[in-house]
Amino acid sequence: MAEFKCTVCHKQFLKSGPLRLHMRIHTGERRFECTVCNKLFSQRGNLQTHLRIHTGEKPFECTVCQKVFSHACNLRTHLGIHTGERSFECTVCHRIFPSSSALRTHLRTHTGEKPFECSVCHKMFSQDANLRNHLRTHTGEKPFKCTVCNKLFSHRGNLQIHLRIHTGERSFECTVCHRMFPSSSVLRTHLRTHTGEKPFECSVCHKMFSQDAHLRTHLRIHTEEKPFECTVCNKLFSQRGNLQTHLRTHTREKPFECTVCHRMFSQDAHMRMHLRTHTGEKPFECMVCNKPFSRRGHLQRHSQIHTGEKPL
């Protein structure tokens, strides 16, 4: 009778060891690190299999022709040559695949073919599954639900990282400020706040960024891509935050409150601008006569006095 039960999905186990291994599916914990390329794995066996990429070890031998393989699954597929069972081999790298569809998908890594197109922003993908994942950026669909707090996520990986909030697991520590992080990738990103490293470069204007996501957002300035669409009026936006701000014109939501007079605003920037009526702050100064202004627009209108430009 099963005595050990997963608190997340309620799967039952006869021993505590298999339960601990299973929990890594939910937490995303990867404690086994490759000493060559630093890739992380949840199970020691998966790390040992991966290491063969670096060592070239091929422990699985065909008993018919003595050909050797690094993975048991490749040997099983190869055996189909001798048994008459059909197998599918890549003509470029000679990897064996169990089906023609798997081979076709793999071949795109060599050809660069991307036959799946997003109907919203026209971005291309090599696999249908990748397109489906991408579409959630437009639809807002979040099919992955935390069974503890019911929070929703668009990607399984994000759910796995979130689950560590409930398990208390934070195994990656910053050696500079000792903050703990749920994954090695989040830690690596954080470390750039200390090192100032900006490894992601815009191919158009050569501006550098610390995160790939920031570079992708920036690139839309050059491409004019606007993948975020308002479901009410169909207006397009280049950034999700701009869409969320725009949606308040439809919902009339005003979440930003002035701490002095309690007036409500739909945008944080508008609230900060309003606060200057209370504080008297005038951060915009005329470079000609040094007259200060509380708003940039007022300074621009004033500057026309000096330039002789006719006001609109």
Protein backbone atom coordinates (compact mmCIF):
# COMPACT_ATOMS: atom_id res chain seq x y z
CA MET A 1 0.00 0.00 0.00
CA ALA A 2 1.33 3.46 -0.94
CA GLU A 3 2.48 5.45 2.12
CA PHE A 4 4.17 8.48 0.58
CA LYS A 5 1.98 11.05 -1.19
CA CYS A 6 2.92 14.08 -3.30
CA THR A 7 1.35 17.18 -1.73
CA VAL A 8 1.07 18.89 -5.12
CA CYS A 9 -0.48 16.31 -7.48
CA HIS A 10 -1.34 13.61 -4.89
CA LYS A 11 0.53 10.84 -6.73
CA GLN A 12 1.41 8.04 -4.31
CA PHE A 13 4.70 6.19 -3.81
CA LEU A 14 5.79 3.11 -1.87
CA LYS A 15 9.06 4.71 -0.71
CA SER A 16 10.25 8.20 0.20
CA GLY A 17 13.14 8.14 -2.31
CA PRO A 18 10.96 8.01 -5.45
CA LEU A 19 8.73 10.72 -3.94
CA ARG A 20 11.73 13.03 -3.46
CA LEU A 21 12.76 12.45 -7.09
CA HIS A 22 9.18 13.07 -8.25
CA MET A 23 8.92 16.37 -6.32
CA ARG A 24 11.62 17.83 -8.58
CA ILE A 25 9.08 17.75 -11.42
CA HIS A 26 7.04 20.33 -9.50
CA THR A 27 9.87 22.37 -7.96
CA GLY A 28 12.06 22.33 -11.04
CA GLU A 29 15.03 21.61 -8.76
CA ARG A 30 18.14 20.64 -10.72
CA ARG A 31 20.91 19.81 -8.27
CA PHE A 32 23.13 17.77 -10.60
CA GLU A 33 25.46 20.04 -12.58
CA CYS A 34 27.60 19.14 -15.58
CA THR A 35 31.21 20.01 -14.72
CA VAL A 36 31.96 20.73 -18.39
CA CYS A 37 29.15 23.07 -19.55
CA ASN A 38 27.35 23.76 -16.21
CA LYS A 39 23.99 22.49 -17.49
CA LEU A 40 21.75 21.38 -14.62
CA PHE A 41 19.70 18.19 -14.27
CA SER A 42 17.05 16.97 -11.86
CA GLN A 43 18.33 13.38 -11.77
CA ARG A 44 21.83 11.92 -11.61
CA GLY A 45 20.99 9.47 -14.40
CA ASN A 46 20.10 12.29 -16.77
CA LEU A 47 23.42 14.00 -16.00
CA GLN A 48 25.32 10.77 -16.66
CA THR A 49 23.55 10.40 -20.01
CA HIS A 50 24.32 14.03 -20.89
CA LEU A 51 28.04 13.65 -20.02
CA ARG A 52 28.43 11.26 -22.96
CA ILE A 53 28.11 14.30 -25.25
CA HIS A 54 31.41 15.53 -23.80
CA THR A 55 33.21 12.19 -23.26
CA GLY A 56 32.10 10.54 -26.51
CA GLU A 57 31.28 7.39 -24.53
CA LYS A 58 28.99 4.95 -26.37
CA PRO A 59 28.13 2.11 -23.97
CA PHE A 60 25.27 0.58 -25.98
CA GLU A 61 26.42 -1.94 -28.58
CA CYS A 62 24.37 -3.61 -31.29
CA THR A 63 24.71 -7.39 -30.86
CA VAL A 64 24.29 -7.90 -34.61
CA CYS A 65 26.78 -5.47 -36.22
CA GLN A 66 28.64 -4.17 -33.13
CA LYS A 67 27.81 -0.54 -33.90
CA VAL A 68 27.88 1.50 -30.67
CA PHE A 69 25.54 4.23 -29.40
CA SER A 70 25.55 6.80 -26.62
CA HIS A 71 21.83 6.34 -25.87
CA ALA A 72 19.78 3.17 -25.42
CA CYS A 73 16.90 4.66 -27.43
CA ASN A 74 19.19 5.14 -30.44
CA LEU A 75 20.28 1.50 -30.21
CA ARG A 76 16.65 0.35 -30.09
CA THR A 77 15.84 2.44 -33.16
CA HIS A 78 18.94 1.12 -34.95
CA LEU A 79 17.95 -2.49 -34.28
CA GLY A 80 15.01 -1.92 -36.61
CA ILE A 81 17.52 -2.08 -39.50
CA HIS A 82 18.20 -5.73 -38.62
CA THR A 83 14.66 -6.72 -37.63
CA GLY A 84 13.10 -5.12 -40.70
CA GLU A 85 11.35 -2.51 -38.57
CA ARG A 86 11.56 0.87 -40.30
CA SER A 87 13.77 3.59 -38.78
CA PHE A 88 14.42 7.16 -39.83
CA GLU A 89 17.99 8.52 -40.04
CA CYS A 90 19.04 12.15 -40.47
CA THR A 91 21.21 12.40 -43.59
CA VAL A 92 23.09 15.37 -42.10
CA CYS A 93 24.12 14.23 -38.60
CA HIS A 94 23.04 10.55 -38.83
CA ARG A 95 20.87 10.65 -35.72
CA ILE A 96 18.13 8.01 -35.73
CA PHE A 97 14.47 8.88 -35.12
CA PRO A 98 11.50 6.62 -34.34
CA SER A 99 9.15 8.27 -36.84
CA SER A 100 9.19 10.31 -40.03
CA SER A 101 7.48 13.23 -38.27
CA ALA A 102 10.19 13.35 -35.58
CA LEU A 103 12.84 13.31 -38.31
CA ARG A 104 11.10 16.13 -40.22
CA THR A 105 10.99 18.27 -37.09
CA HIS A 106 14.67 17.57 -36.39
CA LEU A 107 15.74 18.43 -39.95
CA ARG A 108 14.60 22.01 -39.39
CA THR A 109 17.54 22.44 -36.99
CA HIS A 110 19.76 22.00 -40.06
CA THR A 111 17.68 23.81 -42.69
CA GLY A 112 16.47 26.70 -40.50
CA GLU A 113 12.97 26.17 -41.91
CA LYS A 114 10.19 27.81 -39.88
CA PRO A 115 6.85 26.80 -41.41
CA PHE A 116 4.58 27.84 -38.52
CA GLU A 117 3.51 31.50 -38.57
CA CYS A 118 1.85 33.52 -35.83
CA SER A 119 -1.38 34.95 -37.24
CA VAL A 120 -1.07 38.03 -35.02
CA CYS A 121 2.53 39.26 -35.38
CA HIS A 122 3.71 36.93 -38.19
CA LYS A 123 6.70 35.60 -36.23
CA MET A 124 7.84 32.24 -37.61
CA PHE A 125 8.53 29.02 -35.68
CA SER A 126 10.11 25.66 -36.51
CA GLN A 127 7.65 23.68 -34.38
CA ASP A 128 3.91 23.88 -33.91
CA ALA A 129 4.34 23.50 -30.13
CA ASN A 130 6.59 26.58 -30.02
CA LEU A 131 3.98 28.57 -31.95
CA ARG A 132 1.25 27.51 -29.51
CA ASN A 133 3.41 28.64 -26.58
CA HIS A 134 4.10 31.97 -28.30
CA LEU A 135 0.41 32.62 -29.02
CA ARG A 136 -0.21 32.91 -25.29
CA THR A 137 1.65 36.25 -25.34
CA HIS A 138 -1.23 37.55 -27.48
CA THR A 139 -4.20 35.68 -26.00
CA GLY A 140 -3.14 35.96 -22.37
CA GLU A 141 -4.02 32.28 -21.94
CA LYS A 142 -2.58 30.74 -18.76
CA PRO A 143 -3.29 26.99 -18.81
CA PHE A 144 -0.91 26.00 -16.00
CA LYS A 145 -2.43 26.33 -12.53
CA CYS A 146 -0.75 26.14 -9.14
CA THR A 147 -2.62 23.52 -7.12
CA VAL A 148 -1.70 25.31 -3.88
CA CYS A 149 -2.75 28.95 -4.46
CA ASN A 150 -4.53 28.69 -7.85
CA LYS A 151 -2.23 31.23 -9.52
CA LEU A 152 -2.15 30.79 -13.32
CA PHE A 153 0.84 30.69 -15.66
CA SER A 154 1.30 30.73 -19.42
CA HIS A 155 4.29 28.35 -19.36
CA ARG A 156 4.94 25.17 -17.38
CA GLY A 157 8.48 26.30 -16.50
CA ASN A 158 7.16 29.44 -14.80
CA LEU A 159 4.77 27.31 -12.73
CA GLN A 160 7.63 25.04 -11.65
CA ILE A 161 9.67 28.02 -10.47
CA HIS A 162 6.63 29.49 -8.68
CA LEU A 163 6.00 26.23 -6.79
CA ARG A 164 9.24 26.78 -4.89
CA ILE A 165 7.49 29.62 -3.03
CA HIS A 166 5.32 26.96 -1.41
CA THR A 167 8.04 24.35 -0.89
CA GLY A 168 10.41 26.99 0.50
CA GLU A 169 13.19 25.84 -1.79
CA ARG A 170 15.64 28.51 -2.93
CA SER A 171 18.90 26.76 -3.61
CA PHE A 172 20.79 29.40 -5.61
CA GLU A 173 22.56 32.09 -3.55
CA CYS A 174 24.21 35.27 -4.78
CA THR A 175 27.79 35.32 -3.46
CA VAL A 176 27.77 39.15 -3.40
CA CYS A 177 24.57 40.09 -1.54
CA HIS A 178 23.46 36.59 -0.40
CA ARG A 179 19.99 36.88 -1.88
CA MET A 180 18.45 33.50 -2.70
CA PHE A 181 16.98 32.66 -6.12
CA PRO A 182 14.74 29.81 -7.35
CA SER A 183 16.86 28.91 -10.39
CA SER A 184 20.40 29.26 -11.74
CA SER A 185 19.17 31.34 -14.70
CA VAL A 186 17.49 33.89 -12.39
CA LEU A 187 20.68 34.05 -10.32
CA ARG A 188 22.82 34.62 -13.43
CA THR A 189 20.55 37.47 -14.50
CA HIS A 190 20.69 38.99 -11.01
CA LEU A 191 24.51 38.83 -10.88
CA ARG A 192 24.64 41.32 -13.76
CA THR A 193 23.29 43.97 -11.38
CA HIS A 194 26.62 43.61 -9.53
CA THR A 195 28.97 43.11 -12.48
CA GLY A 196 27.31 45.59 -14.85
CA GLU A 197 27.62 42.98 -17.59
CA LYS A 198 25.46 43.61 -20.67
CA PRO A 199 25.97 40.63 -23.00
CA PHE A 200 23.02 41.25 -25.33
CA GLU A 201 23.68 43.68 -28.19
CA CYS A 202 21.17 45.26 -30.57
CA SER A 203 22.26 44.38 -34.11
CA VAL A 204 20.83 47.67 -35.40
CA CYS A 205 22.09 50.40 -33.04
CA HIS A 206 24.53 48.34 -30.92
CA LYS A 207 22.93 49.31 -27.62
CA MET A 208 23.77 46.74 -24.92
CA PHE A 209 21.36 45.05 -22.51
CA SER A 210 21.72 42.89 -19.41
CA GLN A 211 18.74 40.69 -20.30
CA ASP A 212 17.66 39.06 -23.54
CA ALA A 213 14.05 40.04 -22.82
CA HIS A 214 15.03 43.72 -22.64
CA LEU A 215 16.82 43.43 -25.99
CA ARG A 216 13.75 41.82 -27.60
CA THR A 217 11.54 44.62 -26.30
CA HIS A 218 14.02 47.25 -27.56
CA LEU A 219 14.21 45.68 -31.03
CA ARG A 220 10.55 46.55 -31.59
CA ILE A 221 11.65 50.21 -31.83
CA HIS A 222 13.49 49.24 -35.02
CA THR A 223 11.09 46.61 -36.39
CA GLU A 224 7.94 48.54 -35.35
CA GLU A 225 6.50 45.17 -34.29
CA LYS A 226 3.40 45.54 -32.11
CA PRO A 227 2.42 42.07 -30.86
CA PHE A 228 0.07 43.17 -28.05
CA GLU A 229 -3.49 43.89 -29.21
CA CYS A 230 -6.30 45.50 -27.27
CA THR A 231 -9.26 43.09 -27.26
CA VAL A 232 -11.69 46.05 -27.07
CA CYS A 233 -10.58 48.40 -29.86
CA ASN A 234 -7.86 46.31 -31.58
CA LYS A 235 -5.19 48.97 -31.09
CA LEU A 236 -1.67 47.46 -31.20
CA PHE A 237 1.21 48.03 -28.79
CA SER A 238 4.89 47.13 -28.77
CA GLN A 239 4.98 46.47 -25.02
CA ARG A 240 2.62 44.61 -22.71
CA GLY A 241 2.83 47.38 -20.11
CA ASN A 242 1.61 49.94 -22.63
CA LEU A 243 -1.36 47.71 -23.47
CA GLN A 244 -2.22 47.35 -19.77
CA THR A 245 -2.08 51.13 -19.35
CA HIS A 246 -4.26 51.62 -22.45
CA LEU A 247 -6.88 49.14 -21.20
CA ARG A 248 -7.67 51.53 -18.37
CA THR A 249 -9.16 53.94 -20.92
CA HIS A 250 -11.83 51.27 -21.43
CA THR A 251 -12.21 50.06 -17.82
CA ARG A 252 -11.89 53.57 -16.29
CA GLU A 253 -9.68 51.98 -13.62
CA LYS A 254 -7.57 54.49 -11.65
CA PRO A 255 -5.23 52.54 -9.37
CA PHE A 256 -2.78 55.37 -8.54
CA GLU A 257 -3.77 57.63 -5.62
CA CYS A 258 -2.29 60.98 -4.60
CA THR A 259 -1.17 60.66 -0.96
CA VAL A 260 -1.97 64.35 -0.33
CA CYS A 261 -5.44 64.95 -1.78
CA HIS A 262 -6.42 61.33 -2.62
CA ARG A 263 -7.17 62.09 -6.25
CA MET A 264 -7.00 58.96 -8.39
CA PHE A 265 -5.10 58.50 -11.67
CA SER A 266 -4.99 55.85 -14.37
CA GLN A 267 -1.22 56.17 -14.83
CA ASP A 268 1.63 56.41 -12.34
CA ALA A 269 3.31 59.10 -14.48
CA HIS A 270 0.19 61.29 -14.30
CA MET A 271 0.06 60.90 -10.53
CA ARG A 272 3.75 61.90 -10.15
CA MET A 273 3.14 64.94 -12.38
CA HIS A 274 0.13 65.91 -10.24
CA LEU A 275 2.16 65.64 -7.02
CA ARG A 276 4.23 68.62 -8.17
CA THR A 277 1.17 70.83 -7.59
CA HIS A 278 1.57 69.96 -3.89
CA THR A 279 5.37 69.89 -3.61
CA GLY A 280 6.07 72.86 -5.89
CA GLU A 281 8.81 70.85 -7.60
CA LYS A 282 9.86 72.24 -10.99
CA PRO A 283 12.41 69.83 -12.50
CA PHE A 284 12.42 71.24 -16.06
CA GLU A 285 14.66 74.30 -16.46
CA CYS A 286 15.06 76.57 -19.48
CA MET A 287 18.66 76.40 -20.74
CA VAL A 288 18.48 80.04 -21.89
CA CYS A 289 16.96 81.97 -18.97
CA ASN A 290 16.94 79.26 -16.25
CA LYS A 291 13.21 79.61 -15.60
CA PRO A 292 11.93 76.35 -14.04
CA PHE A 293 8.74 74.49 -14.96
CA SER A 294 6.80 71.64 -13.39
CA ARG A 295 5.99 70.04 -16.76
CA ARG A 296 8.10 69.33 -19.82
CA GLY A 297 5.30 70.56 -22.12
CA HIS A 298 5.28 73.95 -20.38
CA LEU A 299 9.05 74.25 -20.87
CA GLN A 300 8.74 73.38 -24.57
CA ARG A 301 6.09 76.09 -25.09
CA HIS A 302 8.21 78.61 -23.17
CA SER A 303 11.31 77.78 -25.27
CA GLN A 304 9.52 79.13 -28.34
CA ILE A 305 9.94 82.63 -26.89
CA HIS A 306 13.69 82.26 -27.35
CA THR A 307 13.66 80.42 -30.68
CA GLY A 308 11.05 82.67 -32.28
CA GLU A 309 9.12 79.58 -33.29
CA LYS A 310 5.41 80.22 -33.73
CA PRO A 311 3.28 78.31 -31.18
CA LEU A 312 0.86 75.74 -32.58
